[in-house]
N, C-alpha and C. Protein backbone atom coordinates (compact mmCIF):
# COMPACT_ATOMS: atom_id res chain seq x y z
N UNK A 1 -8.19 5.74 30.55
CA UNK A 1 -7.05 5.40 29.70
C UNK A 1 -6.60 6.67 28.99
N UNK A 2 -5.32 6.98 29.04
CA UNK A 2 -4.77 8.13 28.36
C UNK A 2 -4.81 7.87 26.86
N UNK A 3 -5.33 8.81 26.09
CA UNK A 3 -5.43 8.63 24.64
C UNK A 3 -4.22 9.27 23.97
N UNK A 4 -3.06 8.66 24.16
CA UNK A 4 -1.81 9.15 23.62
C UNK A 4 -1.91 9.36 22.12
N UNK A 5 -1.31 10.43 21.64
CA UNK A 5 -1.21 10.71 20.21
C UNK A 5 0.26 10.82 19.85
N UNK A 6 0.69 10.20 18.71
CA UNK A 6 2.10 10.25 18.34
C UNK A 6 2.57 11.68 18.14
N UNK A 7 3.70 12.01 18.73
CA UNK A 7 4.27 13.34 18.59
C UNK A 7 5.71 13.27 18.13
N UNK A 8 6.17 12.12 17.73
CA UNK A 8 7.56 11.95 17.34
C UNK A 8 8.42 11.46 18.50
N UNK A 9 7.86 11.35 19.67
CA UNK A 9 8.60 10.85 20.83
C UNK A 9 7.97 9.55 21.28
N UNK A 10 8.74 8.77 21.97
CA UNK A 10 8.17 7.55 22.56
C UNK A 10 7.22 7.96 23.66
N UNK A 11 6.07 7.33 23.76
CA UNK A 11 5.12 7.71 24.80
C UNK A 11 5.69 7.41 26.19
N UNK A 12 5.37 8.27 27.11
CA UNK A 12 5.83 8.08 28.48
C UNK A 12 4.86 7.18 29.21
N UNK A 13 5.39 6.38 30.11
CA UNK A 13 4.53 5.54 30.94
C UNK A 13 3.87 4.39 30.20
N UNK A 14 4.26 4.18 28.96
CA UNK A 14 3.75 3.02 28.22
C UNK A 14 2.33 3.18 27.71
N UNK A 15 1.86 4.42 27.47
CA UNK A 15 0.48 4.59 26.99
C UNK A 15 0.22 3.81 25.71
N UNK A 16 1.14 3.94 24.75
CA UNK A 16 0.94 3.23 23.49
C UNK A 16 1.00 1.72 23.72
N UNK A 17 1.94 1.27 24.53
CA UNK A 17 2.07 -0.16 24.81
C UNK A 17 0.80 -0.71 25.46
N UNK A 18 0.19 0.08 26.34
CA UNK A 18 -1.06 -0.34 26.97
C UNK A 18 -2.17 -0.47 25.95
N UNK A 19 -2.25 0.47 25.03
CA UNK A 19 -3.26 0.39 23.97
C UNK A 19 -3.03 -0.83 23.09
N UNK A 20 -1.78 -1.07 22.74
CA UNK A 20 -1.45 -2.22 21.89
C UNK A 20 -1.80 -3.52 22.60
N UNK A 21 -1.41 -3.62 23.87
CA UNK A 21 -1.70 -4.85 24.63
C UNK A 21 -3.21 -5.07 24.72
N UNK A 22 -3.94 -4.02 24.96
CA UNK A 22 -5.40 -4.16 25.04
C UNK A 22 -5.98 -4.57 23.69
N UNK A 23 -5.49 -3.95 22.62
CA UNK A 23 -5.97 -4.30 21.28
C UNK A 23 -5.60 -5.74 20.94
N UNK A 24 -4.44 -6.20 21.38
CA UNK A 24 -4.04 -7.58 21.12
C UNK A 24 -4.97 -8.57 21.83
N UNK A 25 -5.55 -8.14 22.91
CA UNK A 25 -6.51 -8.98 23.63
C UNK A 25 -7.91 -8.88 23.04
N UNK A 26 -8.06 -8.09 21.96
CA UNK A 26 -9.36 -7.98 21.30
C UNK A 26 -10.15 -6.74 21.66
N UNK A 27 -9.55 -5.82 22.39
CA UNK A 27 -10.25 -4.59 22.78
C UNK A 27 -10.35 -3.66 21.56
N UNK A 28 -11.53 -3.62 21.01
CA UNK A 28 -11.76 -2.83 19.79
C UNK A 28 -11.60 -1.33 20.05
N UNK A 29 -11.97 -0.87 21.23
CA UNK A 29 -11.84 0.55 21.56
C UNK A 29 -10.36 0.96 21.59
N UNK A 30 -9.53 0.11 22.13
CA UNK A 30 -8.09 0.41 22.16
C UNK A 30 -7.55 0.47 20.74
N UNK A 31 -7.96 -0.47 19.89
CA UNK A 31 -7.52 -0.45 18.51
C UNK A 31 -8.03 0.79 17.80
N UNK A 32 -9.28 1.16 18.04
CA UNK A 32 -9.84 2.37 17.43
C UNK A 32 -9.04 3.61 17.84
N UNK A 33 -8.54 3.63 19.06
CA UNK A 33 -7.71 4.74 19.51
C UNK A 33 -6.39 4.75 18.75
N UNK A 34 -5.80 3.58 18.55
CA UNK A 34 -4.58 3.50 17.74
C UNK A 34 -4.85 3.99 16.32
N UNK A 35 -6.00 3.61 15.78
CA UNK A 35 -6.37 4.05 14.43
C UNK A 35 -6.46 5.57 14.40
N UNK A 36 -7.17 6.15 15.35
CA UNK A 36 -7.30 7.62 15.39
C UNK A 36 -5.94 8.29 15.53
N UNK A 37 -5.08 7.72 16.33
CA UNK A 37 -3.77 8.31 16.56
C UNK A 37 -2.87 8.26 15.33
N UNK A 38 -2.94 7.18 14.59
CA UNK A 38 -2.03 6.99 13.46
C UNK A 38 -2.64 7.30 12.10
N UNK A 39 -3.93 7.50 12.03
CA UNK A 39 -4.58 7.75 10.74
C UNK A 39 -3.94 8.92 9.98
N UNK A 40 -3.71 10.08 10.60
CA UNK A 40 -3.12 11.19 9.83
C UNK A 40 -1.73 10.87 9.28
N UNK A 41 -0.90 10.22 10.07
CA UNK A 41 0.45 9.87 9.61
C UNK A 41 0.39 8.86 8.47
N UNK A 42 -0.46 7.87 8.63
CA UNK A 42 -0.59 6.83 7.61
C UNK A 42 -1.19 7.39 6.33
N UNK A 43 -2.20 8.24 6.46
CA UNK A 43 -2.81 8.86 5.28
C UNK A 43 -1.76 9.72 4.56
N UNK A 44 -0.92 10.42 5.30
CA UNK A 44 0.14 11.22 4.68
C UNK A 44 1.08 10.37 3.86
N UNK A 45 1.49 9.24 4.42
CA UNK A 45 2.36 8.32 3.68
C UNK A 45 1.68 7.85 2.40
N UNK A 46 0.44 7.42 2.51
CA UNK A 46 -0.28 6.90 1.35
C UNK A 46 -0.51 7.98 0.30
N UNK A 47 -0.82 9.18 0.74
CA UNK A 47 -1.07 10.27 -0.20
C UNK A 47 0.18 10.58 -1.02
N UNK A 48 1.34 10.45 -0.42
CA UNK A 48 2.59 10.69 -1.15
C UNK A 48 2.93 9.53 -2.08
N UNK A 49 2.38 8.37 -1.85
CA UNK A 49 2.79 7.19 -2.61
C UNK A 49 1.76 6.70 -3.63
N UNK A 50 0.52 7.19 -3.51
CA UNK A 50 -0.56 6.71 -4.38
C UNK A 50 -1.26 7.93 -4.97
N UNK A 51 -1.57 7.87 -6.25
CA UNK A 51 -2.10 9.04 -6.93
C UNK A 51 -3.59 9.26 -6.71
N UNK A 52 -4.36 8.25 -6.58
CA UNK A 52 -5.82 8.37 -6.49
C UNK A 52 -6.28 8.44 -5.03
N UNK A 53 -7.15 9.43 -4.75
CA UNK A 53 -7.70 9.56 -3.39
C UNK A 53 -8.52 8.33 -3.01
N UNK A 54 -9.21 7.77 -3.99
CA UNK A 54 -9.99 6.54 -3.74
C UNK A 54 -9.06 5.39 -3.37
N UNK A 55 -7.94 5.28 -4.07
CA UNK A 55 -6.97 4.22 -3.77
C UNK A 55 -6.37 4.44 -2.38
N UNK A 56 -6.12 5.69 -2.01
CA UNK A 56 -5.60 5.98 -0.67
C UNK A 56 -6.57 5.45 0.38
N UNK A 57 -7.85 5.73 0.20
CA UNK A 57 -8.85 5.25 1.16
C UNK A 57 -8.89 3.72 1.20
N UNK A 58 -8.83 3.10 0.04
CA UNK A 58 -8.87 1.64 -0.02
C UNK A 58 -7.64 1.03 0.67
N UNK A 59 -6.48 1.56 0.37
CA UNK A 59 -5.25 1.02 0.96
C UNK A 59 -5.22 1.28 2.46
N UNK A 60 -5.72 2.44 2.87
CA UNK A 60 -5.79 2.75 4.30
C UNK A 60 -6.66 1.71 5.00
N UNK A 61 -7.80 1.42 4.43
CA UNK A 61 -8.71 0.42 5.00
C UNK A 61 -8.05 -0.97 5.03
N UNK A 62 -7.41 -1.33 3.93
CA UNK A 62 -6.74 -2.63 3.87
C UNK A 62 -5.61 -2.72 4.91
N UNK A 63 -4.91 -1.62 5.10
CA UNK A 63 -3.83 -1.59 6.09
C UNK A 63 -4.38 -1.82 7.48
N UNK A 64 -5.46 -1.12 7.81
CA UNK A 64 -6.04 -1.28 9.16
C UNK A 64 -6.61 -2.68 9.36
N UNK A 65 -7.22 -3.22 8.32
CA UNK A 65 -7.75 -4.59 8.45
C UNK A 65 -6.60 -5.58 8.67
N UNK A 66 -5.52 -5.41 7.92
CA UNK A 66 -4.36 -6.30 8.08
C UNK A 66 -3.73 -6.12 9.46
N UNK A 67 -3.66 -4.88 9.92
CA UNK A 67 -3.08 -4.62 11.24
C UNK A 67 -3.92 -5.29 12.32
N UNK A 68 -5.24 -5.18 12.24
CA UNK A 68 -6.12 -5.80 13.23
C UNK A 68 -5.93 -7.32 13.22
N UNK A 69 -5.85 -7.89 12.02
CA UNK A 69 -5.69 -9.33 11.88
C UNK A 69 -4.34 -9.81 12.40
N UNK A 70 -3.28 -9.03 12.13
CA UNK A 70 -1.93 -9.44 12.49
C UNK A 70 -1.50 -8.95 13.88
N UNK A 71 -2.30 -8.12 14.50
CA UNK A 71 -1.91 -7.54 15.78
C UNK A 71 -1.58 -8.58 16.85
N UNK A 72 -2.30 -9.69 16.93
CA UNK A 72 -1.90 -10.69 17.94
C UNK A 72 -0.48 -11.22 17.74
N UNK A 73 0.05 -11.13 16.53
CA UNK A 73 1.40 -11.61 16.24
C UNK A 73 2.46 -10.53 16.42
N UNK A 74 2.05 -9.28 16.68
CA UNK A 74 3.00 -8.19 16.87
C UNK A 74 3.83 -8.46 18.12
N UNK A 75 5.17 -8.46 17.96
CA UNK A 75 6.06 -8.88 19.05
C UNK A 75 6.86 -7.75 19.68
N UNK A 76 6.64 -6.52 19.27
CA UNK A 76 7.34 -5.35 19.80
C UNK A 76 8.82 -5.33 19.43
N UNK A 77 9.24 -6.15 18.45
CA UNK A 77 10.64 -6.10 18.01
C UNK A 77 10.92 -4.77 17.31
N UNK A 78 9.92 -4.23 16.67
CA UNK A 78 10.03 -2.92 16.03
C UNK A 78 8.99 -2.01 16.67
N UNK A 79 9.22 -0.70 16.56
CA UNK A 79 8.21 0.22 17.07
C UNK A 79 6.91 -0.02 16.32
N UNK A 80 5.80 0.22 16.96
CA UNK A 80 4.49 -0.01 16.37
C UNK A 80 4.35 0.79 15.07
N UNK A 81 4.81 2.02 15.07
CA UNK A 81 4.71 2.86 13.87
C UNK A 81 5.45 2.20 12.71
N UNK A 82 6.64 1.70 12.94
CA UNK A 82 7.41 1.04 11.88
C UNK A 82 6.69 -0.22 11.40
N UNK A 83 6.15 -0.97 12.33
CA UNK A 83 5.41 -2.19 11.99
C UNK A 83 4.20 -1.84 11.14
N UNK A 84 3.46 -0.82 11.55
CA UNK A 84 2.26 -0.39 10.83
C UNK A 84 2.62 0.14 9.44
N UNK A 85 3.66 0.96 9.36
CA UNK A 85 4.06 1.50 8.07
C UNK A 85 4.59 0.39 7.15
N UNK A 86 5.19 -0.63 7.72
CA UNK A 86 5.62 -1.78 6.93
C UNK A 86 4.44 -2.46 6.26
N UNK A 87 3.35 -2.60 7.01
CA UNK A 87 2.12 -3.18 6.43
C UNK A 87 1.64 -2.28 5.30
N UNK A 88 1.63 -0.97 5.53
CA UNK A 88 1.16 -0.03 4.51
C UNK A 88 2.02 -0.09 3.25
N UNK A 89 3.33 -0.18 3.41
CA UNK A 89 4.22 -0.25 2.24
C UNK A 89 3.94 -1.51 1.44
N UNK A 90 3.67 -2.61 2.11
CA UNK A 90 3.33 -3.85 1.39
C UNK A 90 1.98 -3.70 0.68
N UNK A 91 1.04 -3.04 1.30
CA UNK A 91 -0.27 -2.81 0.66
C UNK A 91 -0.12 -1.88 -0.54
N UNK A 92 0.76 -0.89 -0.43
CA UNK A 92 1.04 -0.01 -1.57
C UNK A 92 1.65 -0.82 -2.71
N UNK A 93 2.58 -1.69 -2.39
CA UNK A 93 3.18 -2.55 -3.41
C UNK A 93 2.14 -3.44 -4.08
N UNK A 94 1.24 -4.01 -3.27
CA UNK A 94 0.15 -4.82 -3.84
C UNK A 94 -0.69 -3.99 -4.79
N UNK A 95 -0.98 -2.76 -4.38
CA UNK A 95 -1.79 -1.86 -5.21
C UNK A 95 -1.09 -1.60 -6.55
N UNK A 96 0.19 -1.28 -6.49
CA UNK A 96 0.91 -0.96 -7.73
C UNK A 96 1.07 -2.19 -8.62
N UNK A 97 1.26 -3.34 -8.02
CA UNK A 97 1.34 -4.57 -8.83
C UNK A 97 0.02 -4.84 -9.53
N UNK A 98 -1.10 -4.67 -8.83
CA UNK A 98 -2.39 -4.93 -9.46
C UNK A 98 -2.69 -3.88 -10.53
N UNK A 99 -2.28 -2.64 -10.28
CA UNK A 99 -2.45 -1.60 -11.29
C UNK A 99 -1.64 -1.92 -12.53
N UNK A 100 -0.45 -2.43 -12.32
CA UNK A 100 0.43 -2.75 -13.45
C UNK A 100 -0.23 -3.79 -14.35
N UNK A 101 -0.84 -4.77 -13.73
CA UNK A 101 -1.47 -5.83 -14.50
C UNK A 101 -2.72 -5.34 -15.23
N UNK A 102 -3.48 -4.46 -14.58
CA UNK A 102 -4.75 -4.02 -15.15
C UNK A 102 -4.61 -2.80 -16.07
N UNK A 103 -3.45 -2.19 -16.08
CA UNK A 103 -3.28 -0.97 -16.88
C UNK A 103 -2.27 -1.18 -17.98
N UNK A 104 -2.43 -2.22 -18.72
CA UNK A 104 -1.48 -2.55 -19.78
C UNK A 104 -1.38 -1.45 -20.82
N UNK A 105 -2.45 -0.71 -21.01
CA UNK A 105 -2.42 0.34 -22.01
C UNK A 105 -1.64 1.58 -21.56
N UNK A 106 -1.34 1.69 -20.27
CA UNK A 106 -0.53 2.80 -19.80
C UNK A 106 0.92 2.35 -19.79
N UNK A 107 1.66 2.85 -20.74
CA UNK A 107 3.05 2.44 -20.85
C UNK A 107 3.94 3.66 -21.01
N UNK A 108 5.22 3.47 -20.95
CA UNK A 108 6.14 4.59 -20.99
C UNK A 108 5.97 5.38 -22.29
N UNK A 109 6.20 6.69 -22.24
CA UNK A 109 6.02 7.52 -23.44
C UNK A 109 6.88 7.07 -24.62
N UNK A 110 8.09 6.60 -24.35
CA UNK A 110 8.96 6.18 -25.45
C UNK A 110 8.34 5.01 -26.22
N UNK A 111 7.82 4.05 -25.50
CA UNK A 111 7.21 2.88 -26.15
C UNK A 111 5.91 3.28 -26.81
N UNK A 112 5.15 4.17 -26.16
CA UNK A 112 3.89 4.64 -26.74
C UNK A 112 4.15 5.29 -28.10
N UNK A 113 5.19 6.14 -28.18
CA UNK A 113 5.51 6.79 -29.45
C UNK A 113 5.86 5.75 -30.51
N UNK A 114 6.59 4.74 -30.13
CA UNK A 114 6.96 3.68 -31.07
C UNK A 114 5.71 2.97 -31.57
N UNK A 115 4.78 2.70 -30.66
CA UNK A 115 3.58 1.96 -31.06
C UNK A 115 2.68 2.81 -31.94
N UNK A 116 2.58 4.11 -31.67
CA UNK A 116 1.67 4.94 -32.45
C UNK A 116 2.22 5.27 -33.81
N UNK A 117 3.52 5.09 -34.01
CA UNK A 117 4.09 5.35 -35.33
C UNK A 117 4.05 4.10 -36.21
N UNK A 118 3.56 3.01 -35.67
CA UNK A 118 3.45 1.79 -36.45
C UNK A 118 2.37 1.97 -37.53
N UNK A 119 2.70 1.61 -38.77
CA UNK A 119 1.71 1.68 -39.85
C UNK A 119 0.65 0.61 -39.68
N UNK A 120 1.04 -0.50 -39.14
CA UNK A 120 0.14 -1.64 -38.97
C UNK A 120 -0.50 -1.58 -37.59
N UNK A 121 -1.83 -1.45 -37.49
CA UNK A 121 -2.47 -1.38 -36.17
C UNK A 121 -2.24 -2.65 -35.36
N UNK A 122 -2.05 -3.77 -36.03
CA UNK A 122 -1.81 -5.02 -35.31
C UNK A 122 -0.42 -5.00 -34.66
N UNK A 123 0.50 -4.28 -35.27
CA UNK A 123 1.85 -4.18 -34.70
C UNK A 123 1.81 -3.47 -33.36
N UNK A 124 0.94 -2.45 -33.21
CA UNK A 124 0.81 -1.74 -31.94
C UNK A 124 0.28 -2.67 -30.86
N UNK A 125 -0.69 -3.49 -31.20
CA UNK A 125 -1.23 -4.45 -30.25
C UNK A 125 -0.16 -5.46 -29.88
N UNK A 126 0.58 -5.92 -30.87
CA UNK A 126 1.68 -6.85 -30.60
C UNK A 126 2.71 -6.23 -29.67
N UNK A 127 2.99 -4.93 -29.87
CA UNK A 127 3.96 -4.24 -29.03
C UNK A 127 3.48 -4.18 -27.58
N UNK A 128 2.20 -3.88 -27.38
CA UNK A 128 1.65 -3.84 -26.01
C UNK A 128 1.74 -5.20 -25.35
N UNK A 129 1.40 -6.23 -26.09
CA UNK A 129 1.48 -7.58 -25.54
C UNK A 129 2.93 -7.95 -25.21
N UNK A 130 3.83 -7.56 -26.09
CA UNK A 130 5.24 -7.84 -25.84
C UNK A 130 5.73 -7.10 -24.60
N UNK A 131 5.30 -5.85 -24.45
CA UNK A 131 5.70 -5.08 -23.27
C UNK A 131 5.19 -5.74 -22.00
N UNK A 132 3.92 -6.12 -21.99
CA UNK A 132 3.37 -6.79 -20.81
C UNK A 132 4.13 -8.07 -20.50
N UNK A 133 4.47 -8.80 -21.52
CA UNK A 133 5.20 -10.04 -21.34
C UNK A 133 6.57 -9.77 -20.72
N UNK A 134 7.27 -8.76 -21.23
CA UNK A 134 8.60 -8.44 -20.71
C UNK A 134 8.50 -7.95 -19.27
N UNK A 135 7.53 -7.08 -18.97
CA UNK A 135 7.38 -6.56 -17.61
C UNK A 135 7.07 -7.68 -16.62
N UNK A 136 6.27 -8.64 -17.05
CA UNK A 136 5.93 -9.76 -16.16
C UNK A 136 7.14 -10.65 -15.89
N UNK A 137 8.12 -10.63 -16.79
CA UNK A 137 9.30 -11.46 -16.61
C UNK A 137 10.38 -10.80 -15.75
N UNK A 138 10.21 -9.51 -15.46
CA UNK A 138 11.19 -8.82 -14.61
C UNK A 138 11.16 -9.41 -13.21
N UNK A 139 12.29 -9.45 -12.55
CA UNK A 139 12.28 -9.85 -11.13
C UNK A 139 11.39 -8.86 -10.35
N UNK A 140 10.78 -9.35 -9.29
CA UNK A 140 9.87 -8.52 -8.50
C UNK A 140 10.51 -7.20 -8.08
N UNK A 141 11.77 -7.23 -7.66
CA UNK A 141 12.43 -6.01 -7.19
C UNK A 141 12.51 -4.96 -8.29
N UNK A 142 12.83 -5.38 -9.51
CA UNK A 142 12.92 -4.44 -10.62
C UNK A 142 11.54 -3.96 -11.04
N UNK A 143 10.58 -4.87 -11.08
CA UNK A 143 9.22 -4.49 -11.49
C UNK A 143 8.62 -3.50 -10.49
N UNK A 144 8.88 -3.70 -9.19
CA UNK A 144 8.38 -2.75 -8.18
C UNK A 144 8.92 -1.35 -8.43
N UNK A 145 10.20 -1.27 -8.73
CA UNK A 145 10.82 0.03 -8.96
C UNK A 145 10.20 0.70 -10.18
N UNK A 146 10.03 -0.04 -11.26
CA UNK A 146 9.43 0.50 -12.49
C UNK A 146 7.99 0.96 -12.22
N UNK A 147 7.22 0.15 -11.51
CA UNK A 147 5.83 0.50 -11.20
C UNK A 147 5.75 1.78 -10.38
N UNK A 148 6.58 1.86 -9.35
CA UNK A 148 6.54 3.04 -8.49
C UNK A 148 7.01 4.28 -9.23
N UNK A 149 7.94 4.12 -10.15
CA UNK A 149 8.44 5.27 -10.90
C UNK A 149 7.42 5.76 -11.92
N UNK A 150 6.92 4.85 -12.76
CA UNK A 150 6.05 5.27 -13.84
C UNK A 150 4.58 5.41 -13.44
N UNK A 151 4.11 4.55 -12.57
CA UNK A 151 2.68 4.56 -12.25
C UNK A 151 2.36 5.37 -11.01
N UNK A 152 3.27 5.44 -10.06
CA UNK A 152 3.01 6.22 -8.85
C UNK A 152 3.69 7.59 -8.93
N UNK A 153 4.59 7.76 -9.90
CA UNK A 153 5.24 9.04 -10.07
C UNK A 153 6.26 9.37 -8.99
N UNK A 154 6.81 8.34 -8.35
CA UNK A 154 7.81 8.57 -7.31
C UNK A 154 9.18 8.76 -7.93
N UNK A 155 10.02 9.52 -7.25
CA UNK A 155 11.41 9.67 -7.66
C UNK A 155 12.19 8.47 -7.15
N UNK A 156 13.40 8.30 -7.66
CA UNK A 156 14.21 7.17 -7.19
C UNK A 156 14.52 7.27 -5.70
N UNK A 157 14.84 8.46 -5.15
CA UNK A 157 15.04 8.53 -3.70
C UNK A 157 13.77 8.16 -2.91
N UNK A 158 12.60 8.56 -3.41
CA UNK A 158 11.35 8.20 -2.74
C UNK A 158 11.11 6.70 -2.80
N UNK A 159 11.45 6.10 -3.94
CA UNK A 159 11.29 4.65 -4.08
C UNK A 159 12.21 3.94 -3.10
N UNK A 160 13.44 4.41 -2.98
CA UNK A 160 14.39 3.80 -2.05
C UNK A 160 13.84 3.87 -0.63
N UNK A 161 13.27 5.01 -0.27
CA UNK A 161 12.70 5.16 1.07
C UNK A 161 11.50 4.25 1.27
N UNK A 162 10.62 4.22 0.29
CA UNK A 162 9.40 3.40 0.39
C UNK A 162 9.72 1.92 0.52
N UNK A 163 10.65 1.46 -0.30
CA UNK A 163 10.98 0.04 -0.31
C UNK A 163 12.07 -0.32 0.70
N UNK A 164 12.55 0.69 1.41
CA UNK A 164 13.61 0.50 2.40
C UNK A 164 14.82 -0.19 1.78
N UNK A 165 15.23 0.37 0.64
CA UNK A 165 16.40 -0.13 -0.06
C UNK A 165 17.42 0.99 -0.20
N UNK A 166 18.66 0.62 -0.39
CA UNK A 166 19.72 1.58 -0.66
C UNK A 166 19.40 2.28 -1.97
N UNK A 167 19.63 3.59 -2.02
CA UNK A 167 19.31 4.35 -3.23
C UNK A 167 20.10 3.87 -4.44
N UNK A 168 21.35 3.49 -4.25
CA UNK A 168 22.15 2.97 -5.37
C UNK A 168 21.59 1.66 -5.88
N UNK A 169 21.07 0.84 -4.98
CA UNK A 169 20.44 -0.42 -5.39
C UNK A 169 19.21 -0.13 -6.24
N UNK A 170 18.41 0.84 -5.81
CA UNK A 170 17.20 1.20 -6.56
C UNK A 170 17.58 1.73 -7.94
N UNK A 171 18.61 2.57 -8.03
CA UNK A 171 19.07 3.08 -9.32
C UNK A 171 19.50 1.94 -10.23
N UNK A 172 20.25 1.01 -9.68
CA UNK A 172 20.70 -0.13 -10.47
C UNK A 172 19.49 -0.93 -10.98
N UNK A 173 18.54 -1.21 -10.08
CA UNK A 173 17.36 -1.97 -10.47
C UNK A 173 16.56 -1.24 -11.55
N UNK A 174 16.46 0.07 -11.42
CA UNK A 174 15.73 0.89 -12.39
C UNK A 174 16.38 0.80 -13.77
N UNK A 175 17.68 1.05 -13.84
CA UNK A 175 18.36 1.04 -15.13
C UNK A 175 18.48 -0.37 -15.69
N UNK A 176 18.65 -1.34 -14.84
CA UNK A 176 18.70 -2.73 -15.29
C UNK A 176 17.35 -3.13 -15.90
N UNK A 177 16.26 -2.76 -15.24
CA UNK A 177 14.92 -3.07 -15.76
C UNK A 177 14.70 -2.43 -17.12
N UNK A 178 15.14 -1.18 -17.27
CA UNK A 178 15.00 -0.53 -18.57
C UNK A 178 15.77 -1.28 -19.65
N UNK A 179 16.97 -1.72 -19.31
CA UNK A 179 17.76 -2.48 -20.27
C UNK A 179 17.08 -3.77 -20.68
N UNK A 180 16.50 -4.46 -19.70
CA UNK A 180 15.80 -5.72 -19.98
C UNK A 180 14.59 -5.47 -20.86
N UNK A 181 13.82 -4.42 -20.54
CA UNK A 181 12.63 -4.10 -21.33
C UNK A 181 13.04 -3.74 -22.75
N UNK A 182 14.05 -2.89 -22.89
CA UNK A 182 14.49 -2.50 -24.24
C UNK A 182 14.98 -3.69 -25.04
N UNK A 183 15.77 -4.55 -24.40
CA UNK A 183 16.27 -5.73 -25.09
C UNK A 183 15.12 -6.67 -25.45
N UNK A 184 14.19 -6.82 -24.53
CA UNK A 184 13.06 -7.72 -24.77
C UNK A 184 12.17 -7.23 -25.90
N UNK A 185 12.14 -5.94 -26.11
CA UNK A 185 11.31 -5.37 -27.17
C UNK A 185 12.11 -5.07 -28.43
N UNK A 186 13.41 -5.36 -28.39
CA UNK A 186 14.24 -5.08 -29.55
C UNK A 186 14.37 -3.58 -29.81
N UNK A 187 14.40 -2.81 -28.73
CA UNK A 187 14.42 -1.36 -28.85
C UNK A 187 15.58 -0.79 -28.03
N UNK A 188 16.74 -1.26 -28.19
CA UNK A 188 17.87 -0.90 -27.35
C UNK A 188 18.05 0.61 -27.21
N UNK A 189 17.74 1.39 -28.23
CA UNK A 189 17.92 2.83 -28.17
C UNK A 189 16.66 3.57 -27.73
N UNK A 190 15.54 2.91 -27.64
CA UNK A 190 14.28 3.58 -27.34
C UNK A 190 14.20 4.00 -25.89
N UNK A 191 14.79 3.24 -25.00
CA UNK A 191 14.70 3.58 -23.58
C UNK A 191 16.00 4.21 -23.19
C-alpha cells in the first residue's frame, strides 16, 4: 500500500481514498497511516488556535478519537482534510467553551480594573458573578468569538477563518457581544 502523504495536491490513483476506505472497514493500520500523514498539519492548526501545549495534545487526541468513531459515516462530500479539520475546529470550540466556564477569574482587563478598584471586596465577587452570568447569556456565536479573542488570543480574521464565518459577521458578533456585556454590567463606557 502506498503511504501517501499530503502535499497540497489531490493524491493520484486514489491512495488517500484507499486508505480511507480501508479505515472505514476497521483497518487500524490504514487509519494509523492517515494519522501519521495528517498529524503535522492538524498539530499546526491546533498550535495556532490553542495556547497550551498540553491542550493541543488533548485536543489532537480527541480529534483522532472522534475521527475514528465518525469515519464510517464519512461520505466523501468534502475532502478528508476539510472533514478532519472540521472535527478539530469543533473540538477547539469545545475546549474554549469549557475553559470559559472554568476560568471565571480570567476576565477582560477593563472589567478587572473596575473590580479591583472596588472598595468593597464583596462588590468584586458580585462583579465576577455578574460577568459570568452575562457571558452565559450571550448567543453561542457571540460567546465563541469572545472566547477565541480573549482566551485563545486570536485576531478577528483568525476567528473568521477558524469558525468559517465572514469576517464582517465576526466583527459584528464581537462588537455586539461587547455591547451586551457592557449593558449587562451597567458599564456602557468600560468596554
